[in-house]
C-alpha atoms as a PDB file:
ATOM      1  CA  MET A   1      -0.155  -0.244  -0.346  1.00  0.00           C
ATOM      2  CA  GLY A   2       3.271   2.351   0.782  1.00  0.00           C
ATOM      3  CA  ARG A   3       4.333   2.133  -2.775  1.00  0.00           C
ATOM      4  CA  GLU A   4       1.143   2.649  -4.161  1.00  0.00           C
ATOM      5  CA  ARG A   5       0.742   6.020  -1.932  1.00  0.00           C
ATOM      6  CA  THR A   6       4.122   6.754  -3.107  1.00  0.00           C
ATOM      7  CA  LEU A   7       3.339   6.408  -7.197  1.00  0.00           C
ATOM      8  CA  LEU A   8       0.343   7.911  -6.484  1.00  0.00           C
ATOM      9  CA  ALA A   9       2.059  11.225  -5.270  1.00  0.00           C
ATOM     10  CA  LEU A  10       4.748  11.119  -7.804  1.00  0.00           C
ATOM     11  CA  LEU A  11       1.685  10.878 -10.753  1.00  0.00           C
ATOM     12  CA  LEU A  12      -0.827  13.547  -9.879  1.00  0.00           C
ATOM     13  CA  PRO A  13       1.528  16.590 -10.432  1.00  0.00           C
ATOM     14  CA  VAL A  14       2.998  14.785 -13.357  1.00  0.00           C
ATOM     15  CA  LEU A  15      -0.726  14.144 -14.996  1.00  0.00           C
ATOM     16  CA  MET A  16      -1.645  17.933 -13.947  1.00  0.00           C
ATOM     17  CA  VAL A  17       1.729  19.558 -15.348  1.00  0.00           C
ATOM     18  CA  ALA A  18       0.766  16.996 -18.381  1.00  0.00           C
ATOM     19  CA  CYS A  19      -2.516  18.327 -18.456  1.00  0.00           C
ATOM     20  CA  ASP A  20      -2.231  22.214 -18.231  1.00  0.00           C
ATOM     21  CA  THR A  21      -1.699  24.495 -21.212  1.00  0.00           C
ATOM     22  CA  GLY A  22      -2.169  26.819 -19.390  1.00  0.00           C
ATOM     23  CA  GLU A  23      -4.763  28.627 -21.840  1.00  0.00           C
ATOM     24  CA  PRO A  24      -8.060  29.191 -20.660  1.00  0.00           C
ATOM     25  CA  VAL A  25     -11.169  26.989 -22.308  1.00  0.00           C
ATOM     26  CA  ASP A  26     -14.355  28.188 -23.422  1.00  0.00           C
ATOM     27  CA  ARG A  27     -15.749  25.071 -23.926  1.00  0.00           C
ATOM     28  CA  GLU A  28     -18.870  26.828 -25.411  1.00  0.00           C
ATOM     29  CA  THR A  29     -17.406  28.442 -28.300  1.00  0.00           C
ATOM     30  CA  ASP A  30     -13.871  26.540 -28.948  1.00  0.00           C
ATOM     31  CA  THR A  31     -15.043  24.448 -31.673  1.00  0.00           C
ATOM     32  CA  ASP A  32     -11.968  22.691 -31.870  1.00  0.00           C
ATOM     33  CA  ILE A  33     -11.955  21.028 -28.278  1.00  0.00           C
ATOM     34  CA  ALA A  34     -15.540  20.322 -29.326  1.00  0.00           C
ATOM     35  CA  THR A  35     -14.719  18.577 -32.389  1.00  0.00           C
ATOM     36  CA  GLU A  36     -11.694  16.617 -30.840  1.00  0.00           C
ATOM     37  CA  MET A  37     -14.408  15.823 -27.748  1.00  0.00           C
ATOM     38  CA  ALA A  38     -16.739  14.144 -30.205  1.00  0.00           C
ATOM     39  CA  ALA A  39     -14.041  12.301 -32.391  1.00  0.00           C
ATOM     40  CA  PRO A  40     -13.632   8.588 -30.662  1.00  0.00           C
ATOM     41  CA  VAL A  41     -10.293   7.529 -30.156  1.00  0.00           C
ATOM     42  CA  ASP A  42      -8.778   4.052 -31.061  1.00  0.00           C
ATOM     43  CA  ALA A  43      -7.262   3.152 -28.042  1.00  0.00           C
ATOM     44  CA  ARG A  44      -6.170  -0.232 -29.201  1.00  0.00           C
ATOM     45  CA  ALA A  45      -4.165   1.911 -32.232  1.00  0.00           C
ATOM     46  CA  VAL A  46      -2.982   4.323 -29.636  1.00  0.00           C
ATOM     47  CA  GLU A  47      -2.034   1.518 -27.266  1.00  0.00           C
ATOM     48  CA  SER A  48       0.263  -0.158 -29.877  1.00  0.00           C
ATOM     49  CA  GLU A  49       1.692   3.027 -31.687  1.00  0.00           C
ATOM     50  CA  ILE A  50       3.067   3.151 -27.497  1.00  0.00           C
ATOM     51  CA  GLU A  51       4.305  -0.049 -27.894  1.00  0.00           C
ATOM     52  CA  GLN A  52       6.257   0.716 -30.206  1.00  0.00           C
ATOM     53  CA  VAL A  53       7.839   3.546 -28.945  1.00  0.00           C
ATOM     54  CA  ARG A  54       8.186   1.368 -25.769  1.00  0.00           C
ATOM     55  CA  THR A  55       9.961  -1.286 -28.003  1.00  0.00           C
ATOM     56  CA  ALA A  56      12.203   1.582 -30.104  1.00  0.00           C
ATOM     57  CA  TRP A  57      13.191   2.996 -26.646  1.00  0.00           C
ATOM     58  CA  MET A  58      14.473  -1.007 -25.502  1.00  0.00           C
ATOM     59  CA  GLN A  59      15.995  -1.529 -28.891  1.00  0.00           C
ATOM     60  CA  GLY A  60      17.972   1.980 -28.912  1.00  0.00           C
ATOM     61  CA  ALA A  61      19.405   1.090 -25.212  1.00  0.00           C
ATOM     62  CA  LEU A  62      20.625  -2.258 -25.483  1.00  0.00           C
ATOM     63  CA  ALA A  63      22.316  -0.614 -28.414  1.00  0.00           C
ATOM     64  CA  GLY A  64      23.881   1.803 -26.206  1.00  0.00           C
ATOM     65  CA  ASP A  65      22.115   4.214 -28.541  1.00  0.00           C
ATOM     66  CA  ALA A  66      21.043   7.880 -26.293  1.00  0.00           C
ATOM     67  CA  ALA A  67      20.175   9.836 -30.078  1.00  0.00           C
ATOM     68  CA  THR A  68      17.759   7.129 -30.761  1.00  0.00           C
ATOM     69  CA  ILE A  69      16.437   7.203 -27.722  1.00  0.00           C
ATOM     70  CA  SER A  70      16.340  10.940 -26.937  1.00  0.00           C
ATOM     71  CA  SER A  71      14.681  11.032 -30.265  1.00  0.00           C
ATOM     72  CA  LEU A  72      11.287   9.624 -28.922  1.00  0.00           C
ATOM     73  CA  TYR A  73      11.292  12.651 -26.253  1.00  0.00           C
ATOM     74  CA  THR A  74       9.649  16.064 -27.180  1.00  0.00           C
ATOM     75  CA  ASP A  75      11.020  18.824 -27.620  1.00  0.00           C
ATOM     76  CA  ASP A  76      10.017  19.853 -23.955  1.00  0.00           C
ATOM     77  CA  ALA A  77      10.320  16.837 -23.122  1.00  0.00           C
ATOM     78  CA  VAL A  78      11.027  16.380 -18.725  1.00  0.00           C
ATOM     79  CA  MET A  79      13.025  12.933 -17.629  1.00  0.00           C
ATOM     80  CA  VAL A  80      13.023  12.601 -13.670  1.00  0.00           C
ATOM     81  CA  THR A  81      15.806  10.426 -13.593  1.00  0.00           C
ATOM     82  CA  PRO A  82      16.054   7.205 -10.352  1.00  0.00           C
ATOM     83  CA  ASP A  83      18.762   8.906  -8.473  1.00  0.00           C
ATOM     84  CA  GLY A  84      15.867  11.911  -8.656  1.00  0.00           C
ATOM     85  CA  ARG A  85      18.106  13.858 -11.103  1.00  0.00           C
ATOM     86  CA  ARG A  86      15.992  16.373 -13.354  1.00  0.00           C
ATOM     87  CA  ALA A  87      16.934  15.924 -17.483  1.00  0.00           C
ATOM     88  CA  GLU A  88      15.038  18.040 -20.188  1.00  0.00           C
ATOM     89  CA  GLY A  89      15.136  18.244 -23.741  1.00  0.00           C
ATOM     90  CA  HIS A  90      16.691  16.418 -26.278  1.00  0.00           C
ATOM     91  CA  GLN A  91      20.175  16.644 -24.854  1.00  0.00           C
ATOM     92  CA  GLY A  92      19.822  16.876 -21.575  1.00  0.00           C
ATOM     93  CA  ILE A  93      17.718  13.486 -21.568  1.00  0.00           C
ATOM     94  CA  ARG A  94      20.857  11.901 -24.011  1.00  0.00           C
ATOM     95  CA  ASP A  95      22.893  12.991 -20.891  1.00  0.00           C
ATOM     96  CA  ALA A  96      21.220  11.782 -18.655  1.00  0.00           C
ATOM     97  CA  LEU A  97      20.328   8.076 -19.612  1.00  0.00           C
ATOM     98  CA  MET A  98      22.733   5.467 -18.209  1.00  0.00           C
ATOM     99  CA  LEU A  99      23.516   2.830 -20.399  1.00  0.00           C
ATOM    100  CA  GLU A 100      27.216   1.721 -19.727  1.00  0.00           C
ATOM    101  CA  GLY A 101      27.292  -2.037 -19.742  1.00  0.00           C
ATOM    102  CA  LEU A 102      23.629  -2.345 -20.581  1.00  0.00           C
ATOM    103  CA  THR A 103      23.378  -6.154 -21.342  1.00  0.00           C
ATOM    104  CA  ASN A 104      19.861  -6.927 -21.105  1.00  0.00           C
ATOM    105  CA  LEU A 105      16.591  -4.879 -20.720  1.00  0.00           C
ATOM    106  CA  ASP A 106      12.597  -6.195 -20.203  1.00  0.00           C
ATOM    107  CA  ILE A 107      10.481  -3.059 -20.266  1.00  0.00           C
ATOM    108  CA  THR A 108       6.980  -4.562 -19.140  1.00  0.00           C
ATOM    109  CA  SER A 109       3.940  -1.920 -19.344  1.00  0.00           C
ATOM    110  CA  SER A 110       1.177  -2.386 -16.908  1.00  0.00           C
ATOM    111  CA  ASN A 111      -1.422  -0.149 -17.951  1.00  0.00           C
ATOM    112  CA  VAL A 112      -1.875   2.597 -20.586  1.00  0.00           C
ATOM    113  CA  GLU A 113      -4.370   5.371 -20.047  1.00  0.00           C
ATOM    114  CA  VAL A 114      -5.521   7.139 -23.663  1.00  0.00           C
ATOM    115  CA  GLY A 115      -6.886  10.840 -24.001  1.00  0.00           C
ATOM    116  CA  GLN A 116      -7.407  12.828 -27.093  1.00  0.00           C
ATOM    117  CA  ASP A 117      -3.783  13.739 -27.252  1.00  0.00           C
ATOM    118  CA  LEU A 118      -2.210  12.596 -24.252  1.00  0.00           C
ATOM    119  CA  ALA A 119      -1.922   8.868 -23.104  1.00  0.00           C
ATOM    120  CA  THR A 120      -0.304   7.621 -19.938  1.00  0.00           C
ATOM    121  CA  GLU A 121       2.207   4.373 -19.446  1.00  0.00           C
ATOM    122  CA  ILE A 122       2.707   2.607 -16.222  1.00  0.00           C
ATOM    123  CA  GLY A 123       4.998  -0.337 -15.806  1.00  0.00           C
ATOM    124  CA  THR A 124       8.190  -2.096 -14.671  1.00  0.00           C
ATOM    125  CA  PHE A 125      11.500  -2.858 -16.136  1.00  0.00           C
ATOM    126  CA  GLN A 126      14.730  -5.299 -15.351  1.00  0.00           C
ATOM    127  CA  GLN A 127      17.900  -4.207 -16.359  1.00  0.00           C
ATOM    128  CA  THR A 128      21.232  -6.168 -16.344  1.00  0.00           C
ATOM    129  CA  THR A 129      24.782  -4.074 -16.296  1.00  0.00           C
ATOM    130  CA  GLN A 130      28.230  -5.078 -16.098  1.00  0.00           C
ATOM    131  CA  THR A 131      29.835  -3.591 -13.730  1.00  0.00           C
ATOM    132  CA  ALA A 132      33.346  -1.996 -14.563  1.00  0.00           C
ATOM    133  CA  ASP A 133      34.737  -5.639 -12.431  1.00  0.00           C
ATOM    134  CA  GLY A 134      32.884  -7.871 -14.724  1.00  0.00           C
ATOM    135  CA  GLN A 135      30.008  -8.697 -11.871  1.00  0.00           C
ATOM    136  CA  GLU A 136      26.888  -8.282 -13.618  1.00  0.00           C
ATOM    137  CA  GLN A 137      24.217  -6.305 -11.552  1.00  0.00           C
ATOM    138  CA  THR A 138      19.895  -6.525 -11.988  1.00  0.00           C
ATOM    139  CA  ILE A 139      18.141  -3.864 -11.196  1.00  0.00           C
ATOM    140  CA  ASN A 140      14.459  -3.722 -11.061  1.00  0.00           C
ATOM    141  CA  GLY A 141      11.996  -0.415 -11.509  1.00  0.00           C
ATOM    142  CA  HIS A 142       8.594   1.072 -11.979  1.00  0.00           C
ATOM    143  CA  TYR A 143       8.247   3.700 -14.601  1.00  0.00           C
ATOM    144  CA  LEU A 144       5.813   6.587 -15.816  1.00  0.00           C
ATOM    145  CA  VAL A 145       5.466   8.139 -19.078  1.00  0.00           C
ATOM    146  CA  VAL A 146       3.282  10.041 -20.556  1.00  0.00           C
ATOM    147  CA  LEU A 147       2.663  10.571 -24.125  1.00  0.00           C
ATOM    148  CA  ARG A 148       1.564  13.258 -26.040  1.00  0.00           C
ATOM    149  CA  ARG A 149       0.516  13.464 -29.795  1.00  0.00           C
ATOM    150  CA  GLN A 150       2.098  15.492 -31.920  1.00  0.00           C
ATOM    151  CA  ALA A 151       0.741  17.019 -35.377  1.00  0.00           C
ATOM    152  CA  ASP A 152       1.471  14.507 -36.905  1.00  0.00           C
ATOM    153  CA  GLY A 153      -0.054  11.825 -35.348  1.00  0.00           C
ATOM    154  CA  ARG A 154       3.102  10.209 -33.795  1.00  0.00           C
ATOM    155  CA  TRP A 155       2.820   9.871 -30.135  1.00  0.00           C
ATOM    156  CA  LEU A 156       6.253  10.772 -28.573  1.00  0.00           C
ATOM    157  CA  ILE A 157       7.220  10.805 -24.608  1.00  0.00           C
ATOM    158  CA  THR A 158       6.692  14.119 -22.757  1.00  0.00           C
ATOM    159  CA  GLN A 159       7.138  13.348 -19.234  1.00  0.00           C
ATOM    160  CA  HIS A 160       9.043  10.545 -17.731  1.00  0.00           C
ATOM    161  CA  VAL A 161       9.619   9.402 -14.237  1.00  0.00           C
ATOM    162  CA  THR A 162      11.862   6.020 -13.490  1.00  0.00           C
ATOM    163  CA  ASN A 163      12.447   4.334  -9.971  1.00  0.00           C
ATOM    164  CA  MET A 164      13.963   1.431  -8.619  1.00  0.00           C
ATOM    165  CA  GLU A 165      13.609  -0.967  -6.114  1.00  0.00           C
ATOM    166  CA  ILE A 166      15.041  -0.715  -2.990  1.00  0.00           C
ATOM    167  CA  PRO A 167      16.513  -4.088  -1.253  1.00  0.00           C
ATOM    168  CA  GLN A 168      14.389  -4.727   1.524  1.00  0.00           C
ATOM    169  CA  ASP A 169      17.943  -5.377   3.521  1.00  0.00           C
ATOM    170  CA  THR A 170      19.366  -1.504   3.147  1.00  0.00           C
ATOM    171  CA  GLY A 171      17.792  -0.659   5.987  1.00  0.00           C
ATOM    172  CA  ILE A 172      16.454   1.935   4.133  1.00  0.00           C
END
């Protein structure tokens, strides 16, 4: 229960920021919004596109290709790394990625929520890295991404939060 509360505490501000455009909306006179709200969303198609983003992210990571990974983010994207650092934009995200020694990565989506122009995905990951002394280290964690539909129809990550599970025996 404690993890769910922590995750909710992390998720709520992310979603509030993701949904706020900063512009006032007059729903009675804004025909674009009314049209968008009336148009049905093909959630299965969007989930398939999000799966493609996730697969490209994983393949980029295993190839050590930070440029490919950062291309899956919007220009104004924000990533919060497992150690709490904030990375912004393509270059910041490239610099924040920790791909050295990565030998295996499994990303598993557990829930996708789809809206008109925003979607969220939450899931788990397990990564194995080879340390400098040749030992293998496996890390488990959780992630939350917010994706935004672009003008060309592509879905890109606009916010990304990752944490790692802390082993019970650490006393933390």
